[in-house]
């Protein structure tokens, strides 16, 4: 193993550059458009608080669009959001 020594100022510059890169990557992740986000079965089940069987029913009845690659199934976040909006009943009932 080789030991490399550098001055404290140089080390601090490297640390600050790495922090800046990390911050930029995190900002890009947070600004990803919803249309570019894909979710798998587990993500959708957790989000909607439903079972895998219920999710399969939504696929089988064409209520929720999906893409399949091999045995893996993916859903666009925008499609899941649209499904939620269509299913929304609100509280518009009159008393």
PDB file of N, CA and C in Angstrom:
ATOM      1  N   UNK A   1       0.852  -1.163   0.000  1.00  0.00           N
ATOM      2  CA  UNK A   1       0.000   0.000   0.000  1.00  0.00           C
ATOM      3  C   UNK A   1       0.901   1.230   0.000  1.00  0.00           C
ATOM      4  N   UNK A   2       0.518   2.193  -0.797  1.00  0.00           N
ATOM      5  CA  UNK A   2       1.305   3.415  -0.908  1.00  0.00           C
ATOM      6  C   UNK A   2       0.606   4.543  -0.145  1.00  0.00           C
ATOM      7  N   UNK A   3       1.344   5.285   0.628  1.00  0.00           N
ATOM      8  CA  UNK A   3       0.813   6.404   1.397  1.00  0.00           C
ATOM      9  C   UNK A   3       1.167   7.693   0.667  1.00  0.00           C
ATOM     10  N   UNK A   4       0.149   8.521   0.455  1.00  0.00           N
ATOM     11  CA  UNK A   4       0.354   9.801  -0.218  1.00  0.00           C
ATOM     12  C   UNK A   4       0.003  10.906   0.760  1.00  0.00           C
ATOM     13  N   UNK A   5       0.867  11.858   0.883  1.00  0.00           N
ATOM     14  CA  UNK A   5       0.584  12.985   1.766  1.00  0.00           C
ATOM     15  C   UNK A   5       0.394  14.238   0.926  1.00  0.00           C
ATOM     16  N   UNK A   6      -0.588  15.033   1.325  1.00  0.00           N
ATOM     17  CA  UNK A   6      -0.825  16.314   0.657  1.00  0.00           C
ATOM     18  C   UNK A   6      -1.038  17.378   1.710  1.00  0.00           C
ATOM     19  N   UNK A   7      -0.917  18.601   1.283  1.00  0.00           N
ATOM     20  CA  UNK A   7      -1.120  19.711   2.216  1.00  0.00           C
ATOM     21  C   UNK A   7      -2.591  19.806   2.585  1.00  0.00           C
ATOM     22  N   UNK A   8      -2.839  20.337   3.749  1.00  0.00           N
ATOM     23  CA  UNK A   8      -4.198  20.476   4.253  1.00  0.00           C
ATOM     24  C   UNK A   8      -5.070  21.308   3.311  1.00  0.00           C
ATOM     25  N   UNK A   9      -4.528  22.381   2.753  1.00  0.00           N
ATOM     26  CA  UNK A   9      -5.294  23.229   1.830  1.00  0.00           C
ATOM     27  C   UNK A   9      -5.708  22.456   0.586  1.00  0.00           C
ATOM     28  N   UNK A  10      -4.807  21.671   0.038  1.00  0.00           N
ATOM     29  CA  UNK A  10      -5.124  20.877  -1.150  1.00  0.00           C
ATOM     30  C   UNK A  10      -6.205  19.852  -0.832  1.00  0.00           C
ATOM     31  N   UNK A  11      -6.106  19.231   0.342  1.00  0.00           N
ATOM     32  CA  UNK A  11      -7.118  18.258   0.758  1.00  0.00           C
ATOM     33  C   UNK A  11      -8.487  18.923   0.899  1.00  0.00           C
ATOM     34  N   UNK A  12      -8.515  20.100   1.502  1.00  0.00           N
ATOM     35  CA  UNK A  12      -9.766  20.824   1.680  1.00  0.00           C
ATOM     36  C   UNK A  12     -10.393  21.185   0.327  1.00  0.00           C
ATOM     37  N   UNK A  13      -9.565  21.561  -0.657  1.00  0.00           N
ATOM     38  CA  UNK A  13     -10.078  21.868  -1.989  1.00  0.00           C
ATOM     39  C   UNK A  13     -10.720  20.639  -2.621  1.00  0.00           C
ATOM     40  N   UNK A  14     -10.083  19.499  -2.457  1.00  0.00           N
ATOM     41  CA  UNK A  14     -10.638  18.251  -3.001  1.00  0.00           C
ATOM     42  C   UNK A  14     -11.977  17.936  -2.337  1.00  0.00           C
ATOM     43  N   UNK A  15     -12.025  18.090  -1.021  1.00  0.00           N
ATOM     44  CA  UNK A  15     -13.264  17.820  -0.286  1.00  0.00           C
ATOM     45  C   UNK A  15     -14.375  18.756  -0.764  1.00  0.00           C
ATOM     46  N   UNK A  16     -14.084  20.041  -0.939  1.00  0.00           N
ATOM     47  CA  UNK A  16     -15.090  21.006  -1.387  1.00  0.00           C
ATOM     48  C   UNK A  16     -15.560  20.683  -2.808  1.00  0.00           C
ATOM     49  N   UNK A  17     -14.657  20.256  -3.663  1.00  0.00           N
ATOM     50  CA  UNK A  17     -15.044  19.893  -5.024  1.00  0.00           C
ATOM     51  C   UNK A  17     -15.955  18.668  -5.020  1.00  0.00           C
ATOM     52  N   UNK A  18     -15.628  17.682  -4.198  1.00  0.00           N
ATOM     53  CA  UNK A  18     -16.491  16.505  -4.098  1.00  0.00           C
ATOM     54  C   UNK A  18     -17.867  16.864  -3.545  1.00  0.00           C
ATOM     55  N   UNK A  19     -17.914  17.742  -2.575  1.00  0.00           N
ATOM     56  CA  UNK A  19     -19.203  18.183  -2.036  1.00  0.00           C
ATOM     57  C   UNK A  19     -20.015  18.919  -3.095  1.00  0.00           C
ATOM     58  N   UNK A  20     -19.348  19.743  -3.908  1.00  0.00           N
ATOM     59  CA  UNK A  20     -20.045  20.473  -4.973  1.00  0.00           C
ATOM     60  C   UNK A  20     -20.607  19.506  -6.010  1.00  0.00           C
ATOM     61  N   UNK A  21     -19.845  18.492  -6.360  1.00  0.00           N
ATOM     62  CA  UNK A  21     -20.320  17.480  -7.316  1.00  0.00           C
ATOM     63  C   UNK A  21     -21.517  16.736  -6.735  1.00  0.00           C
ATOM     64  N   UNK A  22     -21.424  16.352  -5.474  1.00  0.00           N
ATOM     65  CA  UNK A  22     -22.518  15.645  -4.812  1.00  0.00           C
ATOM     66  C   UNK A  22     -23.781  16.497  -4.774  1.00  0.00           C
ATOM     67  N   UNK A  23     -23.641  17.766  -4.448  1.00  0.00           N
ATOM     68  CA  UNK A  23     -24.785  18.684  -4.411  1.00  0.00           C
ATOM     69  C   UNK A  23     -25.426  18.796  -5.788  1.00  0.00           C
ATOM     70  N   UNK A  24     -24.612  18.941  -6.816  1.00  0.00           N
ATOM     71  CA  UNK A  24     -25.140  19.073  -8.178  1.00  0.00           C
ATOM     72  C   UNK A  24     -25.878  17.810  -8.608  1.00  0.00           C
ATOM     73  N   UNK A  25     -25.325  16.645  -8.295  1.00  0.00           N
ATOM     74  CA  UNK A  25     -25.994  15.392  -8.639  1.00  0.00           C
ATOM     75  C   UNK A  25     -27.325  15.256  -7.909  1.00  0.00           C
ATOM     76  N   UNK A  26     -27.367  15.634  -6.642  1.00  0.00           N
ATOM     77  CA  UNK A  26     -28.616  15.563  -5.881  1.00  0.00           C
ATOM     78  C   UNK A  26     -29.656  16.534  -6.421  1.00  0.00           C
ATOM     79  N   UNK A  27     -29.240  17.710  -6.864  1.00  0.00           N
ATOM     80  CA  UNK A  27     -30.174  18.677  -7.436  1.00  0.00           C
ATOM     81  C   UNK A  27     -30.751  18.144  -8.734  1.00  0.00           C
ATOM     82  N   UNK A  28     -29.946  17.496  -9.553  1.00  0.00           N
ATOM     83  CA  UNK A  28     -30.429  16.943 -10.808  1.00  0.00           C
ATOM     84  C   UNK A  28     -31.425  15.829 -10.558  1.00  0.00           C
ATOM     85  N   UNK A  29     -31.165  15.018  -9.531  1.00  0.00           N
ATOM     86  CA  UNK A  29     -32.076  13.930  -9.207  1.00  0.00           C
ATOM     87  C   UNK A  29     -33.429  14.482  -8.757  1.00  0.00           C
ATOM     88  N   UNK A  30     -33.414  15.573  -8.005  1.00  0.00           N
ATOM     89  CA  UNK A  30     -34.639  16.163  -7.494  1.00  0.00           C
ATOM     90  C   UNK A  30     -35.446  16.868  -8.577  1.00  0.00           C
ATOM     91  N   UNK A  31     -34.804  17.263  -9.673  1.00  0.00           N
ATOM     92  CA  UNK A  31     -35.512  17.991 -10.728  1.00  0.00           C
ATOM     93  C   UNK A  31     -35.869  17.105 -11.911  1.00  0.00           C
ATOM     94  N   UNK A  32     -35.742  15.790 -11.756  1.00  0.00           N
ATOM     95  CA  UNK A  32     -36.129  14.881 -12.826  1.00  0.00           C
ATOM     96  C   UNK A  32     -37.627  15.018 -13.049  1.00  0.00           C
ATOM     97  N   UNK A  33     -38.041  15.276 -14.296  1.00  0.00           N
ATOM     98  CA  UNK A  33     -39.474  15.396 -14.561  1.00  0.00           C
ATOM     99  C   UNK A  33     -40.202  14.096 -14.215  1.00  0.00           C
ATOM    100  N   UNK A  34     -41.425  14.228 -13.738  1.00  0.00           N
ATOM    101  CA  UNK A  34     -42.210  13.060 -13.357  1.00  0.00           C
ATOM    102  C   UNK A  34     -42.373  12.107 -14.529  1.00  0.00           C
ATOM    103  N   UNK A  35     -42.412  12.646 -15.754  1.00  0.00           N
ATOM    104  CA  UNK A  35     -42.596  11.797 -16.929  1.00  0.00           C
ATOM    105  C   UNK A  35     -41.399  10.892 -17.174  1.00  0.00           C
ATOM    106  N   UNK A  36     -40.247  11.206 -16.590  1.00  0.00           N
ATOM    107  CA  UNK A  36     -39.048  10.398 -16.782  1.00  0.00           C
ATOM    108  C   UNK A  36     -38.832   9.388 -15.662  1.00  0.00           C
ATOM    109  N   UNK A  37     -39.722   9.359 -14.684  1.00  0.00           N
ATOM    110  CA  UNK A  37     -39.556   8.464 -13.537  1.00  0.00           C
ATOM    111  C   UNK A  37     -40.322   7.171 -13.799  1.00  0.00           C
ATOM    112  N   UNK A  38     -39.628   6.050 -13.647  1.00  0.00           N
ATOM    113  CA  UNK A  38     -40.247   4.733 -13.800  1.00  0.00           C
ATOM    114  C   UNK A  38     -40.250   4.035 -12.449  1.00  0.00           C
ATOM    115  N   UNK A  39     -41.317   3.307 -12.177  1.00  0.00           N
ATOM    116  CA  UNK A  39     -41.474   2.624 -10.900  1.00  0.00           C
ATOM    117  C   UNK A  39     -41.685   1.138 -11.164  1.00  0.00           C
ATOM    118  N   UNK A  40     -41.223   0.292 -10.234  1.00  0.00           N
ATOM    119  CA  UNK A  40     -41.477  -1.136 -10.383  1.00  0.00           C
ATOM    120  C   UNK A  40     -42.672  -1.534  -9.514  1.00  0.00           C
ATOM    121  N   UNK A  41     -43.005  -2.830  -9.522  1.00  0.00           N
ATOM    122  CA  UNK A  41     -44.170  -3.313  -8.764  1.00  0.00           C
ATOM    123  C   UNK A  41     -44.111  -2.912  -7.300  1.00  0.00           C
ATOM    124  N   UNK A  42     -42.951  -3.104  -6.693  1.00  0.00           N
ATOM    125  CA  UNK A  42     -42.826  -2.805  -5.260  1.00  0.00           C
ATOM    126  C   UNK A  42     -43.056  -1.327  -4.988  1.00  0.00           C
ATOM    127  N   UNK A  43     -42.499  -0.457  -5.827  1.00  0.00           N
ATOM    128  CA  UNK A  43     -42.681   0.985  -5.647  1.00  0.00           C
ATOM    129  C   UNK A  43     -44.160   1.361  -5.702  1.00  0.00           C
ATOM    130  N   UNK A  44     -44.868   0.824  -6.700  1.00  0.00           N
ATOM    131  CA  UNK A  44     -46.284   1.172  -6.880  1.00  0.00           C
ATOM    132  C   UNK A  44     -47.122   0.603  -5.738  1.00  0.00           C
ATOM    133  N   UNK A  45     -46.853  -0.633  -5.343  1.00  0.00           N
ATOM    134  CA  UNK A  45     -47.590  -1.236  -4.227  1.00  0.00           C
ATOM    135  C   UNK A  45     -47.417  -0.425  -2.946  1.00  0.00           C
ATOM    136  N   UNK A  46     -46.196   0.009  -2.686  1.00  0.00           N
ATOM    137  CA  UNK A  46     -45.950   0.809  -1.490  1.00  0.00           C
ATOM    138  C   UNK A  46     -46.612   2.172  -1.584  1.00  0.00           C
ATOM    139  N   UNK A  47     -46.568   2.780  -2.754  1.00  0.00           N
ATOM    140  CA  UNK A  47     -47.163   4.098  -2.932  1.00  0.00           C
ATOM    141  C   UNK A  47     -48.679   4.064  -2.771  1.00  0.00           C
ATOM    142  N   UNK A  48     -49.313   3.068  -3.370  1.00  0.00           N
ATOM    143  CA  UNK A  48     -50.778   2.985  -3.341  1.00  0.00           C
ATOM    144  C   UNK A  48     -51.310   2.186  -2.154  1.00  0.00           C
ATOM    145  N   UNK A  49     -50.417   1.569  -1.383  1.00  0.00           N
ATOM    146  CA  UNK A  49     -50.812   0.716  -0.247  1.00  0.00           C
ATOM    147  C   UNK A  49     -51.747  -0.390  -0.712  1.00  0.00           C
ATOM    148  N   UNK A  50     -51.302  -1.112  -1.735  1.00  0.00           N
ATOM    149  CA  UNK A  50     -52.091  -2.220  -2.276  1.00  0.00           C
ATOM    150  C   UNK A  50     -51.198  -3.456  -2.368  1.00  0.00           C
ATOM    151  N   UNK A  51     -51.837  -4.609  -2.580  1.00  0.00           N
ATOM    152  CA  UNK A  51     -51.093  -5.854  -2.718  1.00  0.00           C
ATOM    153  C   UNK A  51     -50.636  -6.041  -4.166  1.00  0.00           C
ATOM    154  N   UNK A  52     -49.723  -6.986  -4.359  1.00  0.00           N
ATOM    155  CA  UNK A  52     -49.271  -7.301  -5.717  1.00  0.00           C
ATOM    156  C   UNK A  52     -50.428  -7.834  -6.563  1.00  0.00           C
ATOM    157  N   UNK A  53     -51.323  -8.577  -5.930  1.00  0.00           N
ATOM    158  CA  UNK A  53     -52.481  -9.134  -6.653  1.00  0.00           C
ATOM    159  C   UNK A  53     -53.420  -8.015  -7.123  1.00  0.00           C
ATOM    160  N   UNK A  54     -53.642  -7.017  -6.300  1.00  0.00           N
ATOM    161  CA  UNK A  54     -54.481  -5.883  -6.699  1.00  0.00           C
ATOM    162  C   UNK A  54     -53.832  -5.138  -7.856  1.00  0.00           C
ATOM    163  N   UNK A  55     -52.535  -4.966  -7.781  1.00  0.00           N
ATOM    164  CA  UNK A  55     -51.815  -4.303  -8.871  1.00  0.00           C
ATOM    165  C   UNK A  55     -51.933  -5.114 -10.161  1.00  0.00           C
ATOM    166  N   UNK A  56     -51.849  -6.443 -10.044  1.00  0.00           N
ATOM    167  CA  UNK A  56     -52.023  -7.292 -11.217  1.00  0.00           C
ATOM    168  C   UNK A  56     -53.427  -7.131 -11.792  1.00  0.00           C
ATOM    169  N   UNK A  57     -54.430  -7.011 -10.949  1.00  0.00           N
ATOM    170  CA  UNK A  57     -55.800  -6.786 -11.413  1.00  0.00           C
ATOM    171  C   UNK A  57     -55.893  -5.471 -12.198  1.00  0.00           C
ATOM    172  N   UNK A  58     -55.245  -4.419 -11.710  1.00  0.00           N
ATOM    173  CA  UNK A  58     -55.248  -3.137 -12.422  1.00  0.00           C
ATOM    174  C   UNK A  58     -54.591  -3.273 -13.799  1.00  0.00           C
ATOM    175  N   UNK A  59     -53.539  -4.080 -13.887  1.00  0.00           N
ATOM    176  CA  UNK A  59     -52.895  -4.320 -15.189  1.00  0.00           C
ATOM    177  C   UNK A  59     -53.824  -5.119 -16.097  1.00  0.00           C
ATOM    178  N   UNK A  60     -54.379  -6.214 -15.567  1.00  0.00           N
ATOM    179  CA  UNK A  60     -55.228  -7.106 -16.362  1.00  0.00           C
ATOM    180  C   UNK A  60     -56.469  -6.404 -16.893  1.00  0.00           C
ATOM    181  N   UNK A  61     -56.990  -5.462 -16.116  1.00  0.00           N
ATOM    182  CA  UNK A  61     -58.207  -4.747 -16.527  1.00  0.00           C
ATOM    183  C   UNK A  61     -57.881  -3.446 -17.267  1.00  0.00           C
ATOM    184  N   UNK A  62     -56.616  -3.262 -17.639  1.00  0.00           N
ATOM    185  CA  UNK A  62     -56.155  -2.084 -18.390  1.00  0.00           C
ATOM    186  C   UNK A  62     -56.432  -0.760 -17.678  1.00  0.00           C
ATOM    187  N   UNK A  63     -56.478  -0.798 -16.371  1.00  0.00           N
ATOM    188  CA  UNK A  63     -56.670   0.438 -15.607  1.00  0.00           C
ATOM    189  C   UNK A  63     -55.365   1.183 -15.407  1.00  0.00           C
ATOM    190  N   UNK A  64     -54.245   0.439 -15.453  1.00  0.00           N
ATOM    191  CA  UNK A  64     -52.940   1.043 -15.207  1.00  0.00           C
ATOM    192  C   UNK A  64     -51.960   0.557 -16.276  1.00  0.00           C
ATOM    193  N   UNK A  65     -51.513   1.452 -17.162  1.00  0.00           N
ATOM    194  CA  UNK A  65     -50.561   1.059 -18.207  1.00  0.00           C
ATOM    195  C   UNK A  65     -49.228   0.623 -17.606  1.00  0.00           C
ATOM    196  N   UNK A  66     -48.532  -0.256 -18.315  1.00  0.00           N
ATOM    197  CA  UNK A  66     -47.237  -0.746 -17.830  1.00  0.00           C
ATOM    198  C   UNK A  66     -46.367  -1.155 -19.007  1.00  0.00           C
ATOM    199  N   UNK A  67     -45.091  -1.310 -18.725  1.00  0.00           N
ATOM    200  CA  UNK A  67     -44.130  -1.849 -19.681  1.00  0.00           C
ATOM    201  C   UNK A  67     -43.468  -3.047 -19.025  1.00  0.00           C
ATOM    202  N   UNK A  68     -43.148  -4.050 -19.845  1.00  0.00           N
ATOM    203  CA  UNK A  68     -42.534  -5.251 -19.305  1.00  0.00           C
ATOM    204  C   UNK A  68     -41.252  -5.556 -20.064  1.00  0.00           C
ATOM    205  N   UNK A  69     -40.189  -5.784 -19.320  1.00  0.00           N
ATOM    206  CA  UNK A  69     -38.912  -6.200 -19.879  1.00  0.00           C
ATOM    207  C   UNK A  69     -38.564  -7.513 -19.193  1.00  0.00           C
ATOM    208  N   UNK A  70     -38.662  -8.589 -19.945  1.00  0.00           N
ATOM    209  CA  UNK A  70     -38.474  -9.912 -19.338  1.00  0.00           C
ATOM    210  C   UNK A  70     -39.578 -10.142 -18.326  1.00  0.00           C
ATOM    211  N   UNK A  71     -39.190 -10.466 -17.106  1.00  0.00           N
ATOM    212  CA  UNK A  71     -40.180 -10.686 -16.050  1.00  0.00           C
ATOM    213  C   UNK A  71     -40.419  -9.440 -15.213  1.00  0.00           C
ATOM    214  N   UNK A  72     -39.693  -8.368 -15.513  1.00  0.00           N
ATOM    215  CA  UNK A  72     -39.773  -7.138 -14.709  1.00  0.00           C
ATOM    216  C   UNK A  72     -40.813  -6.196 -15.313  1.00  0.00           C
ATOM    217  N   UNK A  73     -41.676  -5.640 -14.471  1.00  0.00           N
ATOM    218  CA  UNK A  73     -42.745  -4.744 -14.913  1.00  0.00           C
ATOM    219  C   UNK A  73     -42.483  -3.353 -14.365  1.00  0.00           C
ATOM    220  N   UNK A  74     -42.672  -2.353 -15.230  1.00  0.00           N
ATOM    221  CA  UNK A  74     -42.434  -0.965 -14.861  1.00  0.00           C
ATOM    222  C   UNK A  74     -43.659  -0.117 -15.183  1.00  0.00           C
ATOM    223  N   UNK A  75     -43.829   0.952 -14.421  1.00  0.00           N
ATOM    224  CA  UNK A  75     -44.935   1.885 -14.598  1.00  0.00           C
ATOM    225  C   UNK A  75     -44.371   3.292 -14.646  1.00  0.00           C
ATOM    226  N   UNK A  76     -44.911   4.127 -15.528  1.00  0.00           N
ATOM    227  CA  UNK A  76     -44.522   5.535 -15.535  1.00  0.00           C
ATOM    228  C   UNK A  76     -45.193   6.217 -14.345  1.00  0.00           C
ATOM    229  N   UNK A  77     -44.449   7.067 -13.672  1.00  0.00           N
ATOM    230  CA  UNK A  77     -45.008   7.782 -12.526  1.00  0.00           C
ATOM    231  C   UNK A  77     -46.196   8.634 -12.957  1.00  0.00           C
ATOM    232  N   UNK A  78     -46.154   9.184 -14.178  1.00  0.00           N
ATOM    233  CA  UNK A  78     -47.278   9.997 -14.655  1.00  0.00           C
ATOM    234  C   UNK A  78     -48.533   9.150 -14.844  1.00  0.00           C
ATOM    235  N   UNK A  79     -48.366   7.879 -15.257  1.00  0.00           N
ATOM    236  CA  UNK A  79     -49.527   6.997 -15.407  1.00  0.00           C
ATOM    237  C   UNK A  79     -50.124   6.644 -14.048  1.00  0.00           C
ATOM    238  N   UNK A  80     -49.276   6.431 -13.058  1.00  0.00           N
ATOM    239  CA  UNK A  80     -49.759   6.140 -11.709  1.00  0.00           C
ATOM    240  C   UNK A  80     -50.498   7.364 -11.163  1.00  0.00           C
ATOM    241  N   UNK A  81     -49.941   8.551 -11.409  1.00  0.00           N
ATOM    242  CA  UNK A  81     -50.587   9.789 -10.966  1.00  0.00           C
ATOM    243  C   UNK A  81     -51.945   9.966 -11.653  1.00  0.00           C
ATOM    244  N   UNK A  82     -52.009   9.700 -12.953  1.00  0.00           N
ATOM    245  CA  UNK A  82     -53.274   9.810 -13.690  1.00  0.00           C
ATOM    246  C   UNK A  82     -54.296   8.809 -13.148  1.00  0.00           C
ATOM    247  N   UNK A  83     -53.849   7.605 -12.839  1.00  0.00           N
ATOM    248  CA  UNK A  83     -54.724   6.587 -12.262  1.00  0.00           C
ATOM    249  C   UNK A  83     -55.309   7.068 -10.937  1.00  0.00           C
ATOM    250  N   UNK A  84     -54.466   7.679 -10.113  1.00  0.00           N
ATOM    251  CA  UNK A  84     -54.943   8.220  -8.840  1.00  0.00           C
ATOM    252  C   UNK A  84     -55.955   9.336  -9.061  1.00  0.00           C
ATOM    253  N   UNK A  85     -55.673  10.221 -10.019  1.00  0.00           N
ATOM    254  CA  UNK A  85     -56.583  11.334 -10.288  1.00  0.00           C
ATOM    255  C   UNK A  85     -57.939  10.831 -10.787  1.00  0.00           C
ATOM    256  N   UNK A  86     -57.925   9.797 -11.651  1.00  0.00           N
ATOM    257  CA  UNK A  86     -59.181   9.227 -12.157  1.00  0.00           C
ATOM    258  C   UNK A  86     -59.976   8.557 -11.041  1.00  0.00           C
ATOM    259  N   UNK A  87     -59.277   7.996 -10.072  1.00  0.00           N
ATOM    260  CA  UNK A  87     -59.926   7.277  -8.981  1.00  0.00           C
ATOM    261  C   UNK A  87     -60.366   8.193  -7.854  1.00  0.00           C
ATOM    262  N   UNK A  88     -59.982   9.464  -7.907  1.00  0.00           N
ATOM    263  CA  UNK A  88     -60.266  10.411  -6.839  1.00  0.00           C
ATOM    264  C   UNK A  88     -61.745  10.740  -6.808  1.00  0.00           C
ATOM    265  N   UNK A  89     -62.376  10.590  -5.639  1.00  0.00           N
ATOM    266  CA  UNK A  89     -63.789  10.902  -5.514  1.00  0.00           C
ATOM    267  C   UNK A  89     -64.009  12.239  -4.824  1.00  0.00           C
ATOM    268  N   UNK A  90     -63.055  12.679  -4.035  1.00  0.00           N
ATOM    269  CA  UNK A  90     -63.199  13.961  -3.352  1.00  0.00           C
ATOM    270  C   UNK A  90     -64.243  13.911  -2.265  1.00  0.00           C
ATOM    271  N   UNK A  91     -64.536  15.075  -1.711  1.00  0.00           N
ATOM    272  CA  UNK A  91     -65.555  15.160  -0.656  1.00  0.00           C
ATOM    273  C   UNK A  91     -66.623  16.153  -1.078  1.00  0.00           C
ATOM    274  N   UNK A  92     -67.137  15.958  -2.292  1.00  0.00           N
ATOM    275  CA  UNK A  92     -68.117  16.907  -2.838  1.00  0.00           C
ATOM    276  C   UNK A  92     -69.550  16.502  -2.517  1.00  0.00           C
ATOM    277  N   UNK A  93     -69.755  15.518  -1.663  1.00  0.00           N
ATOM    278  CA  UNK A  93     -71.102  15.092  -1.296  1.00  0.00           C
ATOM    279  C   UNK A  93     -71.781  16.150  -0.440  1.00  0.00           C
ATOM    280  N   UNK A  94     -73.031  16.440  -0.753  1.00  0.00           N
ATOM    281  CA  UNK A  94     -73.792  17.426   0.023  1.00  0.00           C
ATOM    282  C   UNK A  94     -74.460  16.733   1.191  1.00  0.00           C
ATOM    283  N   UNK A  95     -74.546  17.442   2.284  1.00  0.00           N
ATOM    284  CA  UNK A  95     -75.189  16.876   3.475  1.00  0.00           C
ATOM    285  C   UNK A  95     -76.608  17.319   3.563  1.00  0.00           C
TER     286      UNK A  95
END
